[in-house]
Amino acid sequence: MTRPPLGGLTRWRRALAHWIAGDAVSLDVQTTNAGAPTRPVAEPATLQARLDETAAQVRALTDSLPDSYLYRFRLGTDERPHFLYLSEGVRRLHGLDPAVVLADAEQLLGQVLPEWTETLRQVTATSRAALSDFNVELPIRRSDGAVRWLNLRSRPRHESSGLVVWDGIATDITARRDA
């Protein structure tokens, strides 16, 4: 298989820039001899506004998941847990402000019932060592005292720093467990 010429790759990049800017464009963007597009690409402020709008749309989607929230979790070099991202559903499921949990992961992890903390630690260690999917069902005691069952599912990956990060979803499965 032969590699596409650089011009083909450049056309893809220009087409992507136009797509982000909201322009309909084919992959056959005409260029000058210097390789610059013959029509101007959107101004950086316009691109930033579109990126901000897209980020707001993604945030609205993740915050509106019923009985669930998305998270990004990492164990630091000191083995301390950190949440790098939490959608708004953490407030509904745990009764905790996402900003509080981002500052102190133990606020959320401390809700896991004590008899289940070793299970959580073992599943995390296995997932980390093998870079295998993380999947566990466990009970928590919310800040209002209610006990809920959660299914935590995530996929680990290495960051450029070498640390493992899990991107996942937590879903309230209490109704299914109680049935």
N, C-alpha and C. Protein backbone atom coordinates (compact mmCIF):
# COMPACT_ATOMS: atom_id res chain seq x y z
N MET A 1 0.85 -1.17 0.00
CA MET A 1 0.00 0.00 0.00
C MET A 1 0.89 1.23 0.00
N THR A 2 0.62 2.16 -0.86
CA THR A 2 1.45 3.36 -0.94
C THR A 2 0.86 4.45 -0.07
N ARG A 3 1.70 5.30 0.42
CA ARG A 3 1.28 6.42 1.25
C ARG A 3 0.75 7.53 0.37
N PRO A 4 -0.28 8.25 0.81
CA PRO A 4 -0.79 9.34 0.00
C PRO A 4 0.25 10.46 -0.06
N PRO A 5 0.27 11.20 -1.15
CA PRO A 5 1.20 12.31 -1.22
C PRO A 5 0.85 13.35 -0.17
N LEU A 6 1.83 14.15 0.21
CA LEU A 6 1.64 15.15 1.25
C LEU A 6 0.47 16.06 0.91
N GLY A 7 0.30 16.37 -0.37
CA GLY A 7 -0.81 17.23 -0.76
C GLY A 7 -2.15 16.66 -0.32
N GLY A 8 -2.31 15.34 -0.40
CA GLY A 8 -3.56 14.71 0.03
C GLY A 8 -3.80 14.89 1.51
N LEU A 9 -2.76 14.73 2.30
CA LEU A 9 -2.87 14.93 3.73
C LEU A 9 -3.19 16.39 4.03
N THR A 10 -2.55 17.30 3.31
CA THR A 10 -2.80 18.72 3.51
C THR A 10 -4.25 19.05 3.18
N ARG A 11 -4.80 18.46 2.11
CA ARG A 11 -6.20 18.70 1.76
C ARG A 11 -7.12 18.23 2.89
N TRP A 12 -6.80 17.09 3.50
CA TRP A 12 -7.60 16.60 4.62
C TRP A 12 -7.56 17.58 5.78
N ARG A 13 -6.39 18.09 6.10
CA ARG A 13 -6.27 19.04 7.21
C ARG A 13 -7.08 20.30 6.93
N ARG A 14 -6.98 20.82 5.68
CA ARG A 14 -7.74 22.01 5.33
C ARG A 14 -9.23 21.74 5.39
N ALA A 15 -9.64 20.56 4.91
CA ALA A 15 -11.06 20.20 4.95
C ALA A 15 -11.54 20.13 6.39
N LEU A 16 -10.71 19.58 7.29
CA LEU A 16 -11.07 19.51 8.70
C LEU A 16 -11.22 20.91 9.29
N ALA A 17 -10.31 21.81 8.96
CA ALA A 17 -10.40 23.18 9.46
C ALA A 17 -11.69 23.84 8.97
N HIS A 18 -12.06 23.59 7.73
CA HIS A 18 -13.30 24.16 7.20
C HIS A 18 -14.51 23.53 7.90
N TRP A 19 -14.44 22.22 8.16
CA TRP A 19 -15.55 21.55 8.82
C TRP A 19 -15.75 22.13 10.22
N ILE A 20 -14.65 22.34 10.96
CA ILE A 20 -14.74 22.93 12.29
C ILE A 20 -15.34 24.32 12.20
N ALA A 21 -14.96 25.05 11.14
CA ALA A 21 -15.49 26.40 10.96
C ALA A 21 -16.94 26.38 10.49
N GLY A 22 -17.47 25.20 10.13
CA GLY A 22 -18.85 25.09 9.72
C GLY A 22 -19.06 25.25 8.24
N ASP A 23 -17.99 25.29 7.45
CA ASP A 23 -18.11 25.42 6.01
C ASP A 23 -18.27 24.05 5.38
N ALA A 24 -19.13 23.97 4.37
CA ALA A 24 -19.21 22.74 3.58
C ALA A 24 -18.09 22.82 2.56
N VAL A 25 -17.25 21.81 2.52
CA VAL A 25 -16.11 21.85 1.62
C VAL A 25 -15.79 20.43 1.17
N SER A 26 -15.39 20.28 -0.06
CA SER A 26 -14.98 18.97 -0.53
C SER A 26 -13.50 18.78 -0.19
N LEU A 27 -13.02 17.56 -0.37
CA LEU A 27 -11.61 17.31 -0.10
C LEU A 27 -10.72 17.84 -1.22
N ASP A 28 -11.31 18.34 -2.29
CA ASP A 28 -10.53 18.88 -3.40
C ASP A 28 -10.37 20.38 -3.26
N VAL A 29 -9.95 20.83 -2.10
CA VAL A 29 -9.72 22.26 -1.88
C VAL A 29 -8.57 22.70 -2.77
N GLN A 30 -8.78 23.74 -3.50
CA GLN A 30 -7.75 24.25 -4.40
C GLN A 30 -6.70 25.00 -3.59
N THR A 31 -5.46 24.89 -3.99
CA THR A 31 -4.38 25.57 -3.29
C THR A 31 -3.55 26.35 -4.27
N THR A 32 -2.78 27.29 -3.73
CA THR A 32 -1.82 28.03 -4.54
C THR A 32 -0.57 27.20 -4.65
N ASN A 33 0.39 27.67 -5.41
CA ASN A 33 1.66 26.94 -5.55
C ASN A 33 2.37 26.79 -4.21
N ALA A 34 2.12 27.74 -3.30
CA ALA A 34 2.76 27.67 -1.99
C ALA A 34 2.03 26.72 -1.05
N GLY A 35 0.89 26.16 -1.50
CA GLY A 35 0.16 25.22 -0.67
C GLY A 35 -0.88 25.86 0.22
N ALA A 36 -1.06 27.18 0.12
CA ALA A 36 -2.05 27.87 0.93
C ALA A 36 -3.42 27.75 0.28
N PRO A 37 -4.50 27.68 1.06
CA PRO A 37 -5.82 27.60 0.47
C PRO A 37 -6.14 28.87 -0.31
N THR A 38 -6.91 28.75 -1.38
CA THR A 38 -7.26 29.92 -2.18
C THR A 38 -8.35 30.73 -1.51
N ARG A 39 -9.10 30.14 -0.60
CA ARG A 39 -10.07 30.93 0.15
C ARG A 39 -9.66 30.94 1.61
N PRO A 40 -9.91 32.01 2.32
CA PRO A 40 -9.42 32.11 3.70
C PRO A 40 -10.14 31.13 4.63
N VAL A 41 -9.40 30.63 5.60
CA VAL A 41 -9.96 29.79 6.65
C VAL A 41 -10.54 30.74 7.69
N ALA A 42 -11.52 30.29 8.45
CA ALA A 42 -12.18 31.14 9.44
C ALA A 42 -11.16 31.73 10.40
N GLU A 43 -11.50 32.89 10.90
CA GLU A 43 -10.64 33.58 11.87
C GLU A 43 -10.55 32.76 13.15
N PRO A 44 -9.43 32.86 13.87
CA PRO A 44 -9.28 32.10 15.12
C PRO A 44 -10.42 32.34 16.11
N ALA A 45 -10.92 33.58 16.19
CA ALA A 45 -12.02 33.87 17.12
C ALA A 45 -13.27 33.08 16.74
N THR A 46 -13.53 32.94 15.43
CA THR A 46 -14.68 32.18 14.96
C THR A 46 -14.50 30.71 15.28
N LEU A 47 -13.30 30.19 15.04
CA LEU A 47 -13.01 28.79 15.37
C LEU A 47 -13.18 28.55 16.86
N GLN A 48 -12.69 29.48 17.68
CA GLN A 48 -12.81 29.32 19.14
C GLN A 48 -14.28 29.33 19.56
N ALA A 49 -15.07 30.20 18.95
CA ALA A 49 -16.49 30.25 19.28
C ALA A 49 -17.18 28.94 18.93
N ARG A 50 -16.82 28.36 17.78
CA ARG A 50 -17.41 27.08 17.38
C ARG A 50 -16.95 25.95 18.30
N LEU A 51 -15.68 25.98 18.69
CA LEU A 51 -15.19 24.97 19.63
C LEU A 51 -15.89 25.10 20.98
N ASP A 52 -16.10 26.34 21.44
CA ASP A 52 -16.82 26.56 22.71
C ASP A 52 -18.25 26.05 22.62
N GLU A 53 -18.89 26.29 21.48
CA GLU A 53 -20.26 25.81 21.28
C GLU A 53 -20.30 24.29 21.29
N THR A 54 -19.35 23.66 20.62
CA THR A 54 -19.29 22.20 20.60
C THR A 54 -19.05 21.65 22.01
N ALA A 55 -18.15 22.28 22.75
CA ALA A 55 -17.88 21.85 24.13
C ALA A 55 -19.14 21.97 24.98
N ALA A 56 -19.90 23.03 24.80
CA ALA A 56 -21.14 23.22 25.55
C ALA A 56 -22.16 22.14 25.19
N GLN A 57 -22.22 21.77 23.91
CA GLN A 57 -23.14 20.71 23.48
C GLN A 57 -22.76 19.37 24.10
N VAL A 58 -21.48 19.07 24.10
CA VAL A 58 -21.01 17.80 24.68
C VAL A 58 -21.29 17.80 26.19
N ARG A 59 -21.05 18.93 26.85
CA ARG A 59 -21.31 19.03 28.28
C ARG A 59 -22.79 18.81 28.57
N ALA A 60 -23.67 19.41 27.75
CA ALA A 60 -25.11 19.25 27.93
C ALA A 60 -25.51 17.77 27.77
N LEU A 61 -24.91 17.10 26.80
CA LEU A 61 -25.20 15.68 26.59
C LEU A 61 -24.76 14.84 27.79
N THR A 62 -23.55 15.06 28.25
CA THR A 62 -23.03 14.24 29.36
C THR A 62 -23.76 14.55 30.66
N ASP A 63 -24.17 15.80 30.85
CA ASP A 63 -24.85 16.18 32.09
C ASP A 63 -26.29 15.69 32.14
N SER A 64 -26.85 15.32 31.00
CA SER A 64 -28.26 14.92 30.99
C SER A 64 -28.46 13.41 30.93
N LEU A 65 -27.40 12.62 31.08
CA LEU A 65 -27.56 11.17 31.09
C LEU A 65 -28.42 10.74 32.28
N PRO A 66 -29.50 9.99 32.02
CA PRO A 66 -30.35 9.58 33.14
C PRO A 66 -29.66 8.56 34.03
N ASP A 67 -29.71 8.78 35.32
CA ASP A 67 -29.18 7.85 36.32
C ASP A 67 -27.72 7.49 36.09
N SER A 68 -26.94 8.38 35.47
CA SER A 68 -25.54 8.08 35.17
C SER A 68 -24.70 9.35 35.19
N TYR A 69 -23.40 9.14 35.26
CA TYR A 69 -22.46 10.24 35.05
C TYR A 69 -21.19 9.69 34.41
N LEU A 70 -20.51 10.55 33.69
CA LEU A 70 -19.24 10.19 33.07
C LEU A 70 -18.11 10.66 33.98
N TYR A 71 -17.00 9.95 33.92
CA TYR A 71 -15.86 10.34 34.74
C TYR A 71 -14.55 10.00 34.04
N ARG A 72 -13.52 10.69 34.46
CA ARG A 72 -12.14 10.37 34.11
C ARG A 72 -11.41 10.30 35.44
N PHE A 73 -10.74 9.17 35.67
CA PHE A 73 -10.12 8.87 36.96
C PHE A 73 -8.66 8.49 36.74
N ARG A 74 -7.82 8.89 37.68
CA ARG A 74 -6.39 8.53 37.59
C ARG A 74 -5.85 8.30 38.99
N LEU A 75 -4.95 7.33 39.09
CA LEU A 75 -4.16 7.16 40.31
C LEU A 75 -2.85 7.88 40.09
N GLY A 76 -2.49 8.77 41.00
CA GLY A 76 -1.26 9.54 40.86
C GLY A 76 -0.02 8.71 41.14
N THR A 77 1.13 9.31 40.95
CA THR A 77 2.39 8.61 41.23
C THR A 77 2.46 8.21 42.70
N ASP A 78 1.75 8.94 43.55
CA ASP A 78 1.71 8.63 44.98
C ASP A 78 0.59 7.65 45.31
N GLU A 79 -0.07 7.09 44.27
CA GLU A 79 -1.18 6.14 44.40
C GLU A 79 -2.45 6.79 44.92
N ARG A 80 -2.45 8.12 45.04
CA ARG A 80 -3.66 8.81 45.48
C ARG A 80 -4.62 8.94 44.31
N PRO A 81 -5.93 8.72 44.56
CA PRO A 81 -6.92 8.81 43.48
C PRO A 81 -7.26 10.27 43.16
N HIS A 82 -7.53 10.52 41.89
CA HIS A 82 -7.92 11.86 41.42
C HIS A 82 -8.98 11.70 40.34
N PHE A 83 -10.03 12.47 40.45
CA PHE A 83 -10.97 12.57 39.34
C PHE A 83 -10.55 13.78 38.52
N LEU A 84 -10.39 13.57 37.23
CA LEU A 84 -9.98 14.64 36.32
C LEU A 84 -11.20 15.26 35.64
N TYR A 85 -12.30 14.51 35.60
CA TYR A 85 -13.54 14.99 35.01
C TYR A 85 -14.71 14.26 35.64
N LEU A 86 -15.79 14.99 35.88
CA LEU A 86 -17.04 14.42 36.36
C LEU A 86 -18.18 15.19 35.72
N SER A 87 -19.15 14.49 35.18
CA SER A 87 -20.33 15.19 34.67
C SER A 87 -21.27 15.48 35.83
N GLU A 88 -22.25 16.29 35.56
CA GLU A 88 -23.16 16.78 36.61
C GLU A 88 -23.96 15.66 37.28
N GLY A 89 -24.09 14.51 36.64
CA GLY A 89 -24.84 13.41 37.23
C GLY A 89 -24.30 12.94 38.57
N VAL A 90 -23.04 13.27 38.87
CA VAL A 90 -22.48 12.88 40.16
C VAL A 90 -23.26 13.55 41.30
N ARG A 91 -23.79 14.72 41.02
CA ARG A 91 -24.60 15.41 42.03
C ARG A 91 -25.90 14.63 42.29
N ARG A 92 -26.52 14.13 41.23
CA ARG A 92 -27.78 13.37 41.38
C ARG A 92 -27.54 12.01 42.03
N LEU A 93 -26.48 11.32 41.65
CA LEU A 93 -26.27 9.97 42.17
C LEU A 93 -25.62 9.94 43.55
N HIS A 94 -24.70 10.87 43.79
CA HIS A 94 -23.97 10.85 45.06
C HIS A 94 -24.39 11.96 46.02
N GLY A 95 -25.10 12.97 45.51
CA GLY A 95 -25.44 14.11 46.35
C GLY A 95 -24.23 14.98 46.63
N LEU A 96 -23.24 14.95 45.74
CA LEU A 96 -22.00 15.71 45.93
C LEU A 96 -21.79 16.68 44.78
N ASP A 97 -21.24 17.84 45.10
CA ASP A 97 -20.88 18.83 44.09
C ASP A 97 -19.67 18.31 43.33
N PRO A 98 -19.74 18.26 41.99
CA PRO A 98 -18.59 17.76 41.22
C PRO A 98 -17.29 18.50 41.54
N ALA A 99 -17.35 19.80 41.79
CA ALA A 99 -16.13 20.56 42.09
C ALA A 99 -15.49 20.08 43.38
N VAL A 100 -16.29 19.69 44.35
CA VAL A 100 -15.76 19.17 45.61
C VAL A 100 -15.03 17.86 45.38
N VAL A 101 -15.62 16.98 44.55
CA VAL A 101 -15.01 15.68 44.27
C VAL A 101 -13.76 15.84 43.42
N LEU A 102 -13.76 16.79 42.49
CA LEU A 102 -12.55 17.05 41.71
C LEU A 102 -11.41 17.49 42.61
N ALA A 103 -11.71 18.22 43.64
CA ALA A 103 -10.68 18.67 44.59
C ALA A 103 -10.26 17.58 45.56
N ASP A 104 -11.18 16.66 45.88
CA ASP A 104 -10.89 15.60 46.85
C ASP A 104 -11.69 14.34 46.50
N ALA A 105 -11.05 13.42 45.81
CA ALA A 105 -11.71 12.19 45.34
C ALA A 105 -12.25 11.36 46.50
N GLU A 106 -11.65 11.48 47.67
CA GLU A 106 -12.10 10.69 48.81
C GLU A 106 -13.52 11.04 49.24
N GLN A 107 -13.99 12.23 48.89
CA GLN A 107 -15.38 12.59 49.20
C GLN A 107 -16.34 11.61 48.53
N LEU A 108 -16.05 11.20 47.32
CA LEU A 108 -16.88 10.24 46.59
C LEU A 108 -16.51 8.81 46.96
N LEU A 109 -15.23 8.50 46.92
CA LEU A 109 -14.79 7.12 47.20
C LEU A 109 -15.13 6.70 48.62
N GLY A 110 -15.22 7.65 49.53
CA GLY A 110 -15.59 7.36 50.91
C GLY A 110 -17.03 6.90 51.05
N GLN A 111 -17.84 7.05 50.00
CA GLN A 111 -19.23 6.60 50.05
C GLN A 111 -19.35 5.09 49.80
N VAL A 112 -18.31 4.47 49.25
CA VAL A 112 -18.35 3.02 49.03
C VAL A 112 -18.44 2.35 50.40
N LEU A 113 -19.39 1.43 50.53
CA LEU A 113 -19.54 0.75 51.82
C LEU A 113 -18.24 0.05 52.19
N PRO A 114 -17.83 0.14 53.46
CA PRO A 114 -16.51 -0.38 53.89
C PRO A 114 -16.23 -1.81 53.47
N GLU A 115 -17.24 -2.68 53.51
CA GLU A 115 -17.00 -4.08 53.15
C GLU A 115 -16.75 -4.28 51.65
N TRP A 116 -16.89 -3.22 50.85
CA TRP A 116 -16.67 -3.30 49.41
C TRP A 116 -15.41 -2.58 48.95
N THR A 117 -14.71 -1.90 49.85
CA THR A 117 -13.53 -1.14 49.42
C THR A 117 -12.41 -2.05 48.92
N GLU A 118 -12.26 -3.22 49.51
CA GLU A 118 -11.21 -4.14 49.05
C GLU A 118 -11.55 -4.66 47.65
N THR A 119 -12.82 -4.94 47.38
CA THR A 119 -13.23 -5.36 46.03
C THR A 119 -12.90 -4.27 45.02
N LEU A 120 -13.23 -3.04 45.35
CA LEU A 120 -12.93 -1.91 44.46
C LEU A 120 -11.42 -1.80 44.22
N ARG A 121 -10.63 -1.96 45.27
CA ARG A 121 -9.17 -1.87 45.13
C ARG A 121 -8.65 -2.99 44.23
N GLN A 122 -9.14 -4.21 44.42
CA GLN A 122 -8.68 -5.34 43.62
C GLN A 122 -9.06 -5.21 42.15
N VAL A 123 -10.28 -4.79 41.87
CA VAL A 123 -10.72 -4.63 40.48
C VAL A 123 -9.90 -3.52 39.81
N THR A 124 -9.64 -2.46 40.54
CA THR A 124 -8.82 -1.36 40.00
C THR A 124 -7.41 -1.85 39.70
N ALA A 125 -6.81 -2.59 40.62
CA ALA A 125 -5.44 -3.08 40.42
C ALA A 125 -5.36 -4.03 39.22
N THR A 126 -6.34 -4.90 39.07
CA THR A 126 -6.36 -5.83 37.93
C THR A 126 -6.48 -5.06 36.61
N SER A 127 -7.39 -4.12 36.58
CA SER A 127 -7.60 -3.32 35.37
C SER A 127 -6.35 -2.54 35.02
N ARG A 128 -5.71 -1.99 36.02
CA ARG A 128 -4.49 -1.20 35.81
C ARG A 128 -3.34 -2.07 35.29
N ALA A 129 -3.14 -3.22 35.89
CA ALA A 129 -2.01 -4.08 35.52
C ALA A 129 -2.15 -4.63 34.11
N ALA A 130 -3.38 -5.01 33.72
CA ALA A 130 -3.60 -5.63 32.42
C ALA A 130 -4.14 -4.66 31.38
N LEU A 131 -4.39 -3.42 31.80
CA LEU A 131 -5.08 -2.44 30.94
C LEU A 131 -6.36 -3.06 30.38
N SER A 132 -7.07 -3.75 31.27
CA SER A 132 -8.33 -4.40 30.88
C SER A 132 -9.50 -3.54 31.35
N ASP A 133 -10.64 -3.74 30.71
CA ASP A 133 -11.82 -2.97 31.09
C ASP A 133 -12.14 -3.17 32.56
N PHE A 134 -12.58 -2.10 33.18
CA PHE A 134 -12.96 -2.06 34.58
C PHE A 134 -14.48 -2.18 34.63
N ASN A 135 -15.01 -3.11 35.42
CA ASN A 135 -16.45 -3.30 35.52
C ASN A 135 -16.75 -3.86 36.89
N VAL A 136 -17.46 -3.10 37.71
CA VAL A 136 -17.79 -3.57 39.04
C VAL A 136 -19.14 -2.99 39.46
N GLU A 137 -19.90 -3.78 40.22
CA GLU A 137 -21.13 -3.32 40.84
C GLU A 137 -20.88 -3.27 42.33
N LEU A 138 -21.22 -2.12 42.93
CA LEU A 138 -20.99 -1.99 44.37
C LEU A 138 -21.96 -0.98 44.96
N PRO A 139 -22.20 -1.12 46.28
CA PRO A 139 -23.11 -0.20 46.95
C PRO A 139 -22.36 1.02 47.50
N ILE A 140 -23.09 2.13 47.54
CA ILE A 140 -22.57 3.35 48.16
C ILE A 140 -23.61 3.86 49.16
N ARG A 141 -23.16 4.64 50.10
CA ARG A 141 -24.07 5.35 51.00
C ARG A 141 -23.94 6.83 50.67
N ARG A 142 -25.02 7.35 50.06
CA ARG A 142 -25.03 8.76 49.63
C ARG A 142 -24.89 9.70 50.84
N SER A 143 -24.65 10.95 50.55
CA SER A 143 -24.51 11.94 51.62
C SER A 143 -25.80 12.10 52.42
N ASP A 144 -26.98 11.74 51.84
CA ASP A 144 -28.24 11.82 52.59
C ASP A 144 -28.55 10.52 53.34
N GLY A 145 -27.65 9.54 53.29
CA GLY A 145 -27.80 8.28 54.01
C GLY A 145 -28.39 7.15 53.19
N ALA A 146 -28.94 7.45 52.02
CA ALA A 146 -29.54 6.41 51.18
C ALA A 146 -28.46 5.50 50.60
N VAL A 147 -28.74 4.20 50.56
CA VAL A 147 -27.82 3.23 49.96
C VAL A 147 -28.28 2.99 48.53
N ARG A 148 -27.36 3.14 47.58
CA ARG A 148 -27.62 2.94 46.15
C ARG A 148 -26.58 1.97 45.61
N TRP A 149 -26.94 1.22 44.57
CA TRP A 149 -26.01 0.33 43.89
C TRP A 149 -25.59 0.98 42.58
N LEU A 150 -24.29 0.98 42.32
CA LEU A 150 -23.76 1.55 41.09
C LEU A 150 -23.03 0.48 40.29
N ASN A 151 -23.11 0.61 38.97
CA ASN A 151 -22.26 -0.16 38.06
C ASN A 151 -21.24 0.83 37.51
N LEU A 152 -19.98 0.57 37.77
CA LEU A 152 -18.88 1.40 37.28
C LEU A 152 -18.20 0.65 36.14
N ARG A 153 -18.14 1.29 34.98
CA ARG A 153 -17.50 0.67 33.81
C ARG A 153 -16.58 1.70 33.19
N SER A 154 -15.36 1.26 32.89
CA SER A 154 -14.43 2.19 32.26
C SER A 154 -13.37 1.43 31.49
N ARG A 155 -12.66 2.16 30.68
CA ARG A 155 -11.57 1.59 29.89
C ARG A 155 -10.29 2.36 30.24
N PRO A 156 -9.26 1.64 30.67
CA PRO A 156 -8.01 2.31 31.02
C PRO A 156 -7.13 2.57 29.80
N ARG A 157 -6.26 3.55 29.94
CA ARG A 157 -5.27 3.85 28.91
C ARG A 157 -4.11 4.56 29.60
N HIS A 158 -2.94 4.49 28.95
CA HIS A 158 -1.78 5.19 29.47
C HIS A 158 -1.80 6.63 29.00
N GLU A 159 -1.52 7.55 29.91
CA GLU A 159 -1.29 8.94 29.54
C GLU A 159 0.15 9.06 29.05
N SER A 160 0.48 10.20 28.46
CA SER A 160 1.85 10.42 28.02
C SER A 160 2.82 10.38 29.20
N SER A 161 2.32 10.68 30.40
CA SER A 161 3.16 10.65 31.61
C SER A 161 3.46 9.23 32.06
N GLY A 162 2.74 8.25 31.49
CA GLY A 162 2.91 6.86 31.90
C GLY A 162 1.86 6.43 32.92
N LEU A 163 1.14 7.37 33.49
CA LEU A 163 0.09 7.02 34.44
C LEU A 163 -1.11 6.44 33.70
N VAL A 164 -1.89 5.63 34.42
CA VAL A 164 -3.09 5.04 33.83
C VAL A 164 -4.29 5.92 34.17
N VAL A 165 -5.12 6.16 33.16
CA VAL A 165 -6.34 6.95 33.30
C VAL A 165 -7.50 6.08 32.85
N TRP A 166 -8.60 6.14 33.57
CA TRP A 166 -9.81 5.41 33.21
C TRP A 166 -10.88 6.42 32.78
N ASP A 167 -11.45 6.21 31.60
CA ASP A 167 -12.59 6.99 31.13
C ASP A 167 -13.80 6.09 31.24
N GLY A 168 -14.81 6.55 32.00
CA GLY A 168 -15.91 5.63 32.23
C GLY A 168 -17.24 6.26 32.53
N ILE A 169 -18.16 5.39 32.88
CA ILE A 169 -19.54 5.77 33.21
C ILE A 169 -19.95 5.04 34.48
N ALA A 170 -20.65 5.75 35.33
CA ALA A 170 -21.23 5.17 36.54
C ALA A 170 -22.74 5.25 36.38
N THR A 171 -23.43 4.14 36.62
CA THR A 171 -24.88 4.08 36.44
C THR A 171 -25.54 3.51 37.69
N ASP A 172 -26.61 4.16 38.12
CA ASP A 172 -27.39 3.69 39.26
C ASP A 172 -28.19 2.47 38.82
N ILE A 173 -27.92 1.33 39.45
CA ILE A 173 -28.61 0.08 39.11
C ILE A 173 -29.44 -0.43 40.28
N THR A 174 -29.75 0.46 41.22
CA THR A 174 -30.49 0.06 42.43
C THR A 174 -31.80 -0.62 42.07
N ALA A 175 -32.58 -0.08 41.15
CA ALA A 175 -33.88 -0.66 40.81
C ALA A 175 -33.72 -2.08 40.29
N ARG A 176 -32.70 -2.32 39.48
CA ARG A 176 -32.46 -3.67 38.97
C ARG A 176 -32.04 -4.61 40.09
N ARG A 177 -31.20 -4.14 40.99
CA ARG A 177 -30.72 -4.98 42.10
C ARG A 177 -31.86 -5.30 43.08
N ASP A 178 -32.77 -4.36 43.26
CA ASP A 178 -33.88 -4.55 44.21
C ASP A 178 -35.02 -5.38 43.64
N ALA A 179 -35.01 -5.56 42.31
CA ALA A 179 -36.13 -6.30 41.67
C ALA A 179 -36.09 -7.78 41.98
